[in-house]
């Protein structure tokens, strides 16, 4: 019988990649989603049956934060994370043979805006504001469950770089149309992770039982925004890129219905625990990652 993984919220670009890769590795992958053709969130019995005898539960569920932070979207961002985590925790407690590992997505945005020093699991300072409130309440809900037979890991993910979906498409378009200069002052840190290393990290955590609690999922080599855009231009053979001042970014964010925080917050996240445990990144630097993704 195949090893079994339950992927909650597995229809986004990260989830689709993980599902395909895990199936290729011999796993049976069951997906919980609001989309038809998968286990539905309101089907408590099917969720519990899926989790019983599973090797691993990976929860990626949550409405995208790439939207305007109006009251309706804020409520959906909160509920899509807290309610799904609560459903999964309650189902695990009812299982006769629960999964050995529960990885719940979190975010590196939980740390404060940092241009002065890196944020690690041991020394990082929690920030403030809406996005941080979402992250902290999400982790509080996750760790509120006492699951003695299921190891819990909150994966504080940096911005995921992949070929299909995520931020690479918009970044490539900016460069293509000559707008690939620095954004704001360009000094804000950009913490990132190649999507293949997300998979590698999940499998590494599965095989290293000492890893529990909070784990930063990010490259060990974040770059500032100016370096990021320079690397993209060089990789796309674009000699120039107009910079985007803050006032222009604010106007553009309104037009495309998003928030400037996604670009201007300085996320300086370092994977201290993974490095200490001996994890080897397949794409440790931004140049190798972008070169791979632009193939």
C-alpha atoms as a PDB file:
ATOM      1  CA  UNK A   1       0.000   0.000   0.000  1.00  0.00           C
ATOM      2  CA  UNK A   2       1.235   3.478  -0.846  1.00  0.00           C
ATOM      3  CA  UNK A   3       2.246   5.898   1.865  1.00  0.00           C
ATOM      4  CA  UNK A   4      -0.552   8.409   2.424  1.00  0.00           C
ATOM      5  CA  UNK A   5      -0.355  12.205   2.593  1.00  0.00           C
ATOM      6  CA  UNK A   6      -3.334  14.484   3.199  1.00  0.00           C
ATOM      7  CA  UNK A   7      -2.932  17.887   1.545  1.00  0.00           C
ATOM      8  CA  UNK A   8      -5.394  20.453   2.878  1.00  0.00           C
ATOM      9  CA  UNK A   9      -5.868  23.483   0.655  1.00  0.00           C
ATOM     10  CA  UNK A  10      -3.948  21.624  -2.021  1.00  0.00           C
ATOM     11  CA  UNK A  11      -5.305  23.365  -5.123  1.00  0.00           C
ATOM     12  CA  UNK A  12      -3.139  26.506  -5.074  1.00  0.00           C
ATOM     13  CA  UNK A  13       0.138  26.737  -6.962  1.00  0.00           C
ATOM     14  CA  UNK A  14       2.208  25.374  -4.064  1.00  0.00           C
ATOM     15  CA  UNK A  15      -0.311  22.631  -3.333  1.00  0.00           C
ATOM     16  CA  UNK A  16      -0.506  21.497  -6.947  1.00  0.00           C
ATOM     17  CA  UNK A  17       3.282  21.270  -7.147  1.00  0.00           C
ATOM     18  CA  UNK A  18       3.541  19.299  -3.892  1.00  0.00           C
ATOM     19  CA  UNK A  19       0.721  16.945  -4.897  1.00  0.00           C
ATOM     20  CA  UNK A  20       2.344  16.123  -8.244  1.00  0.00           C
ATOM     21  CA  UNK A  21       5.821  15.638  -6.748  1.00  0.00           C
ATOM     22  CA  UNK A  22       4.590  13.494  -3.861  1.00  0.00           C
ATOM     23  CA  UNK A  23       2.564  11.282  -6.198  1.00  0.00           C
ATOM     24  CA  UNK A  24       5.641  10.845  -8.384  1.00  0.00           C
ATOM     25  CA  UNK A  25       7.506   9.746  -5.234  1.00  0.00           C
ATOM     26  CA  UNK A  26       4.978   6.991  -4.564  1.00  0.00           C
ATOM     27  CA  UNK A  27       2.642   8.714  -2.117  1.00  0.00           C
ATOM     28  CA  UNK A  28      -1.108   8.447  -2.190  1.00  0.00           C
ATOM     29  CA  UNK A  29      -2.218  12.097  -1.992  1.00  0.00           C
ATOM     30  CA  UNK A  30      -5.676  13.035  -0.744  1.00  0.00           C
ATOM     31  CA  UNK A  31      -6.732  16.679  -1.104  1.00  0.00           C
ATOM     32  CA  UNK A  32      -9.165  18.614   1.080  1.00  0.00           C
ATOM     33  CA  UNK A  33     -10.551  21.607  -0.789  1.00  0.00           C
ATOM     34  CA  UNK A  34     -13.626  23.707  -1.468  1.00  0.00           C
ATOM     35  CA  UNK A  35     -13.218  22.828  -5.136  1.00  0.00           C
ATOM     36  CA  UNK A  36     -15.283  19.921  -6.512  1.00  0.00           C
ATOM     37  CA  UNK A  37     -13.643  16.545  -6.975  1.00  0.00           C
ATOM     38  CA  UNK A  38     -11.868  16.635  -3.618  1.00  0.00           C
ATOM     39  CA  UNK A  39     -12.755  15.966   0.027  1.00  0.00           C
ATOM     40  CA  UNK A  40     -14.967  18.835   1.140  1.00  0.00           C
ATOM     41  CA  UNK A  41     -14.314  20.864   4.299  1.00  0.00           C
ATOM     42  CA  UNK A  42     -17.815  20.245   5.631  1.00  0.00           C
ATOM     43  CA  UNK A  43     -17.447  16.452   5.335  1.00  0.00           C
ATOM     44  CA  UNK A  44     -16.120  15.634   8.818  1.00  0.00           C
ATOM     45  CA  UNK A  45     -16.346  11.870   8.290  1.00  0.00           C
ATOM     46  CA  UNK A  46     -14.349  11.902   5.041  1.00  0.00           C
ATOM     47  CA  UNK A  47     -11.680  14.154   6.577  1.00  0.00           C
ATOM     48  CA  UNK A  48     -11.271  11.826   9.561  1.00  0.00           C
ATOM     49  CA  UNK A  49     -11.099   8.763   7.294  1.00  0.00           C
ATOM     50  CA  UNK A  50      -8.433  10.475   5.179  1.00  0.00           C
ATOM     51  CA  UNK A  51      -6.348  11.371   8.233  1.00  0.00           C
ATOM     52  CA  UNK A  52      -6.549   7.905   9.779  1.00  0.00           C
ATOM     53  CA  UNK A  53      -3.388   5.947   8.951  1.00  0.00           C
ATOM     54  CA  UNK A  54      -1.859   8.904   7.081  1.00  0.00           C
ATOM     55  CA  UNK A  55       1.895   9.475   7.277  1.00  0.00           C
ATOM     56  CA  UNK A  56       1.564  13.224   7.089  1.00  0.00           C
ATOM     57  CA  UNK A  57      -0.925  16.100   6.999  1.00  0.00           C
ATOM     58  CA  UNK A  58       0.149  19.293   5.219  1.00  0.00           C
ATOM     59  CA  UNK A  59      -2.222  22.234   5.629  1.00  0.00           C
ATOM     60  CA  UNK A  60      -1.862  25.083   3.133  1.00  0.00           C
ATOM     61  CA  UNK A  61      -5.453  26.316   3.319  1.00  0.00           C
ATOM     62  CA  UNK A  62      -6.093  30.056   3.386  1.00  0.00           C
ATOM     63  CA  UNK A  63      -7.415  32.854   1.193  1.00  0.00           C
ATOM     64  CA  UNK A  64      -4.662  34.688  -0.670  1.00  0.00           C
ATOM     65  CA  UNK A  65      -3.439  37.893   0.984  1.00  0.00           C
ATOM     66  CA  UNK A  66      -2.940  39.387  -2.488  1.00  0.00           C
ATOM     67  CA  UNK A  67      -6.053  41.558  -2.165  1.00  0.00           C
ATOM     68  CA  UNK A  68      -7.235  44.823  -0.661  1.00  0.00           C
ATOM     69  CA  UNK A  69      -7.577  44.648   3.114  1.00  0.00           C
ATOM     70  CA  UNK A  70     -11.234  45.656   3.311  1.00  0.00           C
ATOM     71  CA  UNK A  71     -13.511  44.270   6.019  1.00  0.00           C
ATOM     72  CA  UNK A  72     -14.857  41.410   3.913  1.00  0.00           C
ATOM     73  CA  UNK A  73     -11.440  40.242   2.727  1.00  0.00           C
ATOM     74  CA  UNK A  74      -9.975  40.543   6.229  1.00  0.00           C
ATOM     75  CA  UNK A  75     -12.747  38.350   7.630  1.00  0.00           C
ATOM     76  CA  UNK A  76     -12.200  35.745   4.895  1.00  0.00           C
ATOM     77  CA  UNK A  77      -8.408  35.753   5.395  1.00  0.00           C
ATOM     78  CA  UNK A  78      -8.904  35.044   9.104  1.00  0.00           C
ATOM     79  CA  UNK A  79     -11.693  32.468   8.789  1.00  0.00           C
ATOM     80  CA  UNK A  80     -10.078  30.541   5.935  1.00  0.00           C
ATOM     81  CA  UNK A  81      -7.046  29.890   8.149  1.00  0.00           C
ATOM     82  CA  UNK A  82      -8.505  29.545  11.630  1.00  0.00           C
ATOM     83  CA  UNK A  83     -11.574  27.458  10.780  1.00  0.00           C
ATOM     84  CA  UNK A  84      -9.715  24.996   8.563  1.00  0.00           C
ATOM     85  CA  UNK A  85      -6.978  24.516  11.161  1.00  0.00           C
ATOM     86  CA  UNK A  86      -9.665  23.951  13.813  1.00  0.00           C
ATOM     87  CA  UNK A  87     -11.432  21.364  11.620  1.00  0.00           C
ATOM     88  CA  UNK A  88      -8.174  19.465  11.094  1.00  0.00           C
ATOM     89  CA  UNK A  89      -7.184  19.551  14.766  1.00  0.00           C
ATOM     90  CA  UNK A  90     -10.551  18.251  15.894  1.00  0.00           C
ATOM     91  CA  UNK A  91     -10.431  15.485  13.264  1.00  0.00           C
ATOM     92  CA  UNK A  92      -6.953  14.379  14.379  1.00  0.00           C
ATOM     93  CA  UNK A  93      -8.175  14.057  17.973  1.00  0.00           C
ATOM     94  CA  UNK A  94     -10.907  11.668  16.791  1.00  0.00           C
ATOM     95  CA  UNK A  95      -8.567   9.437  14.760  1.00  0.00           C
ATOM     96  CA  UNK A  96      -7.758   5.951  16.034  1.00  0.00           C
ATOM     97  CA  UNK A  97      -4.421   6.130  14.192  1.00  0.00           C
ATOM     98  CA  UNK A  98      -3.674   9.818  13.531  1.00  0.00           C
ATOM     99  CA  UNK A  99      -0.947  11.074  11.175  1.00  0.00           C
ATOM    100  CA  UNK A 100       2.572  11.049  12.586  1.00  0.00           C
ATOM    101  CA  UNK A 101       3.226  14.602  11.404  1.00  0.00           C
ATOM    102  CA  UNK A 102       1.046  17.694  10.980  1.00  0.00           C
ATOM    103  CA  UNK A 103       2.708  20.553   9.112  1.00  0.00           C
ATOM    104  CA  UNK A 104       0.620  23.718   9.207  1.00  0.00           C
ATOM    105  CA  UNK A 105       1.512  26.598   6.947  1.00  0.00           C
ATOM    106  CA  UNK A 106       2.393  29.888   8.619  1.00  0.00           C
ATOM    107  CA  UNK A 107       4.245  32.912   7.289  1.00  0.00           C
ATOM    108  CA  UNK A 108       7.534  34.735   7.684  1.00  0.00           C
ATOM    109  CA  UNK A 109       5.459  37.918   7.708  1.00  0.00           C
ATOM    110  CA  UNK A 110       4.880  37.223  11.411  1.00  0.00           C
ATOM    111  CA  UNK A 111       8.204  38.950  12.125  1.00  0.00           C
ATOM    112  CA  UNK A 112       8.541  42.726  12.271  1.00  0.00           C
ATOM    113  CA  UNK A 113       9.747  44.936   9.422  1.00  0.00           C
ATOM    114  CA  UNK A 114      13.503  44.370   9.694  1.00  0.00           C
ATOM    115  CA  UNK A 115      16.253  46.299   7.936  1.00  0.00           C
ATOM    116  CA  UNK A 116      18.653  46.128  10.902  1.00  0.00           C
ATOM    117  CA  UNK A 117      19.086  42.386  11.518  1.00  0.00           C
ATOM    118  CA  UNK A 118      17.842  38.929  10.589  1.00  0.00           C
ATOM    119  CA  UNK A 119      14.880  37.240  12.258  1.00  0.00           C
ATOM    120  CA  UNK A 120      15.415  33.619  13.354  1.00  0.00           C
ATOM    121  CA  UNK A 121      13.166  31.268  15.290  1.00  0.00           C
ATOM    122  CA  UNK A 122      15.119  32.007  18.488  1.00  0.00           C
ATOM    123  CA  UNK A 123      15.802  35.738  18.104  1.00  0.00           C
ATOM    124  CA  UNK A 124      13.029  36.969  15.818  1.00  0.00           C
ATOM    125  CA  UNK A 125      10.671  39.689  17.047  1.00  0.00           C
ATOM    126  CA  UNK A 126       6.973  39.434  16.283  1.00  0.00           C
ATOM    127  CA  UNK A 127       5.662  42.487  14.443  1.00  0.00           C
ATOM    128  CA  UNK A 128       2.332  44.309  14.495  1.00  0.00           C
ATOM    129  CA  UNK A 129      -0.571  45.038  12.174  1.00  0.00           C
ATOM    130  CA  UNK A 130      -3.203  43.024  10.357  1.00  0.00           C
ATOM    131  CA  UNK A 131      -0.937  40.464   8.654  1.00  0.00           C
ATOM    132  CA  UNK A 132       0.890  39.727  11.898  1.00  0.00           C
ATOM    133  CA  UNK A 133      -2.422  39.371  13.760  1.00  0.00           C
ATOM    134  CA  UNK A 134      -3.496  36.780  11.190  1.00  0.00           C
ATOM    135  CA  UNK A 135      -0.239  34.853  11.545  1.00  0.00           C
ATOM    136  CA  UNK A 136      -0.183  34.875  15.346  1.00  0.00           C
ATOM    137  CA  UNK A 137      -3.818  33.797  15.702  1.00  0.00           C
ATOM    138  CA  UNK A 138      -3.255  31.106  13.066  1.00  0.00           C
ATOM    139  CA  UNK A 139      -0.332  29.655  15.025  1.00  0.00           C
ATOM    140  CA  UNK A 140      -2.236  29.989  18.306  1.00  0.00           C
ATOM    141  CA  UNK A 141      -5.099  27.953  16.871  1.00  0.00           C
ATOM    142  CA  UNK A 142      -2.654  25.334  15.556  1.00  0.00           C
ATOM    143  CA  UNK A 143      -0.745  24.912  18.815  1.00  0.00           C
ATOM    144  CA  UNK A 144      -3.939  24.960  20.908  1.00  0.00           C
ATOM    145  CA  UNK A 145      -4.363  21.291  19.976  1.00  0.00           C
ATOM    146  CA  UNK A 146      -2.583  18.776  22.176  1.00  0.00           C
ATOM    147  CA  UNK A 147      -1.772  15.915  19.804  1.00  0.00           C
ATOM    148  CA  UNK A 148       0.564  13.526  21.669  1.00  0.00           C
ATOM    149  CA  UNK A 149       0.730  11.055  18.762  1.00  0.00           C
ATOM    150  CA  UNK A 150       1.114  13.726  16.064  1.00  0.00           C
ATOM    151  CA  UNK A 151       4.200  15.944  15.850  1.00  0.00           C
ATOM    152  CA  UNK A 152       3.303  19.531  14.985  1.00  0.00           C
ATOM    153  CA  UNK A 153       5.359  21.960  12.889  1.00  0.00           C
ATOM    154  CA  UNK A 154       4.301  25.513  12.000  1.00  0.00           C
ATOM    155  CA  UNK A 155       6.157  26.282   8.770  1.00  0.00           C
ATOM    156  CA  UNK A 156       6.842  30.022   8.625  1.00  0.00           C
ATOM    157  CA  UNK A 157       7.124  30.289   4.866  1.00  0.00           C
ATOM    158  CA  UNK A 158       8.903  33.055   2.985  1.00  0.00           C
ATOM    159  CA  UNK A 159       7.641  34.125  -0.448  1.00  0.00           C
ATOM    160  CA  UNK A 160       7.602  31.012  -2.612  1.00  0.00           C
ATOM    161  CA  UNK A 161       9.181  31.261  -6.072  1.00  0.00           C
ATOM    162  CA  UNK A 162       7.808  28.835  -8.665  1.00  0.00           C
ATOM    163  CA  UNK A 163       7.310  28.603 -12.405  1.00  0.00           C
ATOM    164  CA  UNK A 164       3.507  28.493 -12.282  1.00  0.00           C
ATOM    165  CA  UNK A 165       1.771  31.030 -10.060  1.00  0.00           C
ATOM    166  CA  UNK A 166       2.998  33.177  -7.208  1.00  0.00           C
ATOM    167  CA  UNK A 167       5.055  36.339  -7.639  1.00  0.00           C
ATOM    168  CA  UNK A 168       7.302  35.323 -10.537  1.00  0.00           C
ATOM    169  CA  UNK A 169       4.718  36.205 -13.202  1.00  0.00           C
ATOM    170  CA  UNK A 170       4.167  39.796 -12.011  1.00  0.00           C
ATOM    171  CA  UNK A 171       7.914  40.328 -11.458  1.00  0.00           C
ATOM    172  CA  UNK A 172       8.711  39.062 -14.973  1.00  0.00           C
ATOM    173  CA  UNK A 173       6.089  41.386 -16.464  1.00  0.00           C
ATOM    174  CA  UNK A 174       7.558  44.395 -14.651  1.00  0.00           C
ATOM    175  CA  UNK A 175      10.994  43.631 -16.091  1.00  0.00           C
ATOM    176  CA  UNK A 176       9.602  42.874 -19.556  1.00  0.00           C
ATOM    177  CA  UNK A 177       7.876  46.253 -19.770  1.00  0.00           C
ATOM    178  CA  UNK A 178      10.856  48.235 -18.476  1.00  0.00           C
ATOM    179  CA  UNK A 179       9.541  48.709 -14.924  1.00  0.00           C
ATOM    180  CA  UNK A 180      11.996  46.341 -13.245  1.00  0.00           C
ATOM    181  CA  UNK A 181      13.863  48.880 -11.130  1.00  0.00           C
ATOM    182  CA  UNK A 182      13.910  49.042  -7.353  1.00  0.00           C
ATOM    183  CA  UNK A 183      10.606  49.441  -5.522  1.00  0.00           C
ATOM    184  CA  UNK A 184      10.468  52.086  -2.817  1.00  0.00           C
ATOM    185  CA  UNK A 185      13.975  52.713  -1.470  1.00  0.00           C
ATOM    186  CA  UNK A 186      15.042  49.209  -2.539  1.00  0.00           C
ATOM    187  CA  UNK A 187      16.563  48.428   0.862  1.00  0.00           C
ATOM    188  CA  UNK A 188      13.707  46.244   2.124  1.00  0.00           C
ATOM    189  CA  UNK A 189      14.768  42.615   2.476  1.00  0.00           C
ATOM    190  CA  UNK A 190      13.157  39.957   0.309  1.00  0.00           C
ATOM    191  CA  UNK A 191      13.050  36.545   1.970  1.00  0.00           C
ATOM    192  CA  UNK A 192      12.221  33.810  -0.497  1.00  0.00           C
ATOM    193  CA  UNK A 193      12.238  30.057  -1.025  1.00  0.00           C
ATOM    194  CA  UNK A 194      12.332  28.012  -4.244  1.00  0.00           C
ATOM    195  CA  UNK A 195       9.270  25.784  -4.506  1.00  0.00           C
ATOM    196  CA  UNK A 196      11.447  22.678  -4.902  1.00  0.00           C
ATOM    197  CA  UNK A 197      13.091  23.466  -1.571  1.00  0.00           C
ATOM    198  CA  UNK A 198       9.643  23.732   0.046  1.00  0.00           C
ATOM    199  CA  UNK A 199       9.130  20.087  -0.947  1.00  0.00           C
ATOM    200  CA  UNK A 200      12.655  19.161   0.189  1.00  0.00           C
ATOM    201  CA  UNK A 201      12.102  20.872   3.558  1.00  0.00           C
ATOM    202  CA  UNK A 202       8.812  19.053   4.151  1.00  0.00           C
ATOM    203  CA  UNK A 203      10.437  15.685   3.477  1.00  0.00           C
ATOM    204  CA  UNK A 204      13.432  16.632   5.650  1.00  0.00           C
ATOM    205  CA  UNK A 205      11.123  17.535   8.544  1.00  0.00           C
ATOM    206  CA  UNK A 206       9.309  14.232   8.097  1.00  0.00           C
ATOM    207  CA  UNK A 207      12.584  12.346   8.478  1.00  0.00           C
ATOM    208  CA  UNK A 208      13.935  14.417  11.389  1.00  0.00           C
ATOM    209  CA  UNK A 209      11.760  13.896  14.425  1.00  0.00           C
ATOM    210  CA  UNK A 210      13.613  16.483  16.532  1.00  0.00           C
ATOM    211  CA  UNK A 211      12.054  19.240  14.419  1.00  0.00           C
ATOM    212  CA  UNK A 212       8.817  20.332  16.080  1.00  0.00           C
ATOM    213  CA  UNK A 213       7.242  23.685  16.843  1.00  0.00           C
ATOM    214  CA  UNK A 214       8.126  26.710  14.703  1.00  0.00           C
ATOM    215  CA  UNK A 215      10.420  26.291  11.667  1.00  0.00           C
ATOM    216  CA  UNK A 216      11.408  29.080   9.261  1.00  0.00           C
ATOM    217  CA  UNK A 217      11.012  27.976   5.642  1.00  0.00           C
ATOM    218  CA  UNK A 218      13.230  30.391   3.743  1.00  0.00           C
ATOM    219  CA  UNK A 219      16.466  30.546   1.808  1.00  0.00           C
ATOM    220  CA  UNK A 220      19.554  31.210   3.961  1.00  0.00           C
ATOM    221  CA  UNK A 221      20.417  34.079   1.589  1.00  0.00           C
ATOM    222  CA  UNK A 222      17.694  36.740   1.431  1.00  0.00           C
ATOM    223  CA  UNK A 223      18.429  39.754  -0.755  1.00  0.00           C
ATOM    224  CA  UNK A 224      17.274  43.341  -0.722  1.00  0.00           C
ATOM    225  CA  UNK A 225      14.712  44.506  -3.264  1.00  0.00           C
ATOM    226  CA  UNK A 226      17.286  46.321  -5.371  1.00  0.00           C
ATOM    227  CA  UNK A 227      19.394  43.154  -5.722  1.00  0.00           C
ATOM    228  CA  UNK A 228      16.317  41.072  -6.497  1.00  0.00           C
ATOM    229  CA  UNK A 229      15.244  43.333  -9.346  1.00  0.00           C
ATOM    230  CA  UNK A 230      18.823  43.590 -10.665  1.00  0.00           C
ATOM    231  CA  UNK A 231      19.099  39.787 -10.756  1.00  0.00           C
ATOM    232  CA  UNK A 232      15.789  39.500 -12.602  1.00  0.00           C
ATOM    233  CA  UNK A 233      16.874  42.108 -15.176  1.00  0.00           C
ATOM    234  CA  UNK A 234      20.219  40.413 -15.747  1.00  0.00           C
ATOM    235  CA  UNK A 235      18.605  36.991 -16.060  1.00  0.00           C
ATOM    236  CA  UNK A 236      16.114  38.344 -18.607  1.00  0.00           C
ATOM    237  CA  UNK A 237      18.758  40.311 -20.529  1.00  0.00           C
ATOM    238  CA  UNK A 238      17.038  43.625 -19.764  1.00  0.00           C
ATOM    239  CA  UNK A 239      19.547  46.466 -19.457  1.00  0.00           C
ATOM    240  CA  UNK A 240      17.325  48.968 -17.641  1.00  0.00           C
ATOM    241  CA  UNK A 241      14.348  49.140 -15.333  1.00  0.00           C
ATOM    242  CA  UNK A 242      12.518  52.208 -14.114  1.00  0.00           C
ATOM    243  CA  UNK A 243      12.237  52.440 -10.319  1.00  0.00           C
ATOM    244  CA  UNK A 244       8.841  52.645  -8.618  1.00  0.00           C
ATOM    245  CA  UNK A 245       8.556  55.258  -5.845  1.00  0.00           C
ATOM    246  CA  UNK A 246       6.218  54.599  -2.920  1.00  0.00           C
ATOM    247  CA  UNK A 247       3.515  57.001  -4.141  1.00  0.00           C
ATOM    248  CA  UNK A 248       3.341  55.179  -7.476  1.00  0.00           C
ATOM    249  CA  UNK A 249       3.206  51.780  -5.759  1.00  0.00           C
ATOM    250  CA  UNK A 250       0.293  52.978  -3.620  1.00  0.00           C
ATOM    251  CA  UNK A 251      -1.619  54.108  -6.706  1.00  0.00           C
ATOM    252  CA  UNK A 252      -0.855  50.866  -8.516  1.00  0.00           C
ATOM    253  CA  UNK A 253      -1.910  48.749  -5.529  1.00  0.00           C
ATOM    254  CA  UNK A 254      -5.352  50.346  -5.571  1.00  0.00           C
ATOM    255  CA  UNK A 255      -5.715  49.725  -9.312  1.00  0.00           C
ATOM    256  CA  UNK A 256      -4.767  46.039  -9.144  1.00  0.00           C
ATOM    257  CA  UNK A 257      -6.570  45.517  -5.816  1.00  0.00           C
ATOM    258  CA  UNK A 258      -3.648  44.572  -3.599  1.00  0.00           C
ATOM    259  CA  UNK A 259      -1.560  46.093  -0.764  1.00  0.00           C
ATOM    260  CA  UNK A 260       1.887  47.727  -0.897  1.00  0.00           C
ATOM    261  CA  UNK A 261       2.913  45.738   2.206  1.00  0.00           C
ATOM    262  CA  UNK A 262       3.518  42.740  -0.052  1.00  0.00           C
ATOM    263  CA  UNK A 263       6.344  44.680  -1.731  1.00  0.00           C
ATOM    264  CA  UNK A 264       7.523  47.210   0.847  1.00  0.00           C
ATOM    265  CA  UNK A 265       7.675  45.215   4.098  1.00  0.00           C
ATOM    266  CA  UNK A 266      11.251  44.176   4.864  1.00  0.00           C
ATOM    267  CA  UNK A 267      11.171  40.430   5.538  1.00  0.00           C
ATOM    268  CA  UNK A 268      14.588  39.294   6.753  1.00  0.00           C
ATOM    269  CA  UNK A 269      14.006  35.660   7.708  1.00  0.00           C
ATOM    270  CA  UNK A 270      16.785  33.115   8.281  1.00  0.00           C
ATOM    271  CA  UNK A 271      16.212  29.314   8.575  1.00  0.00           C
ATOM    272  CA  UNK A 272      18.281  28.829  11.727  1.00  0.00           C
ATOM    273  CA  UNK A 273      16.727  25.511  12.782  1.00  0.00           C
ATOM    274  CA  UNK A 274      16.922  23.881   9.345  1.00  0.00           C
ATOM    275  CA  UNK A 275      20.553  24.906   8.920  1.00  0.00           C
ATOM    276  CA  UNK A 276      21.446  23.623  12.377  1.00  0.00           C
ATOM    277  CA  UNK A 277      19.749  20.302  11.593  1.00  0.00           C
ATOM    278  CA  UNK A 278      21.889  19.908   8.457  1.00  0.00           C
ATOM    279  CA  UNK A 279      19.394  20.703   5.701  1.00  0.00           C
ATOM    280  CA  UNK A 280      21.054  21.341   2.326  1.00  0.00           C
ATOM    281  CA  UNK A 281      19.272  23.809   0.039  1.00  0.00           C
ATOM    282  CA  UNK A 282      19.030  22.884  -3.625  1.00  0.00           C
ATOM    283  CA  UNK A 283      18.656  26.592  -4.487  1.00  0.00           C
ATOM    284  CA  UNK A 284      20.440  28.571  -1.737  1.00  0.00           C
ATOM    285  CA  UNK A 285      20.962  31.817  -3.683  1.00  0.00           C
ATOM    286  CA  UNK A 286      18.641  34.030  -5.719  1.00  0.00           C
ATOM    287  CA  UNK A 287      20.676  33.776  -8.950  1.00  0.00           C
ATOM    288  CA  UNK A 288      20.474  29.971  -9.128  1.00  0.00           C
ATOM    289  CA  UNK A 289      16.774  30.036  -8.222  1.00  0.00           C
ATOM    290  CA  UNK A 290      15.801  32.596 -10.864  1.00  0.00           C
ATOM    291  CA  UNK A 291      17.977  30.956 -13.530  1.00  0.00           C
ATOM    292  CA  UNK A 292      16.151  27.662 -12.889  1.00  0.00           C
ATOM    293  CA  UNK A 293      12.692  29.244 -12.918  1.00  0.00           C
ATOM    294  CA  UNK A 294      13.297  31.169 -16.144  1.00  0.00           C
ATOM    295  CA  UNK A 295      14.354  28.073 -18.087  1.00  0.00           C
END
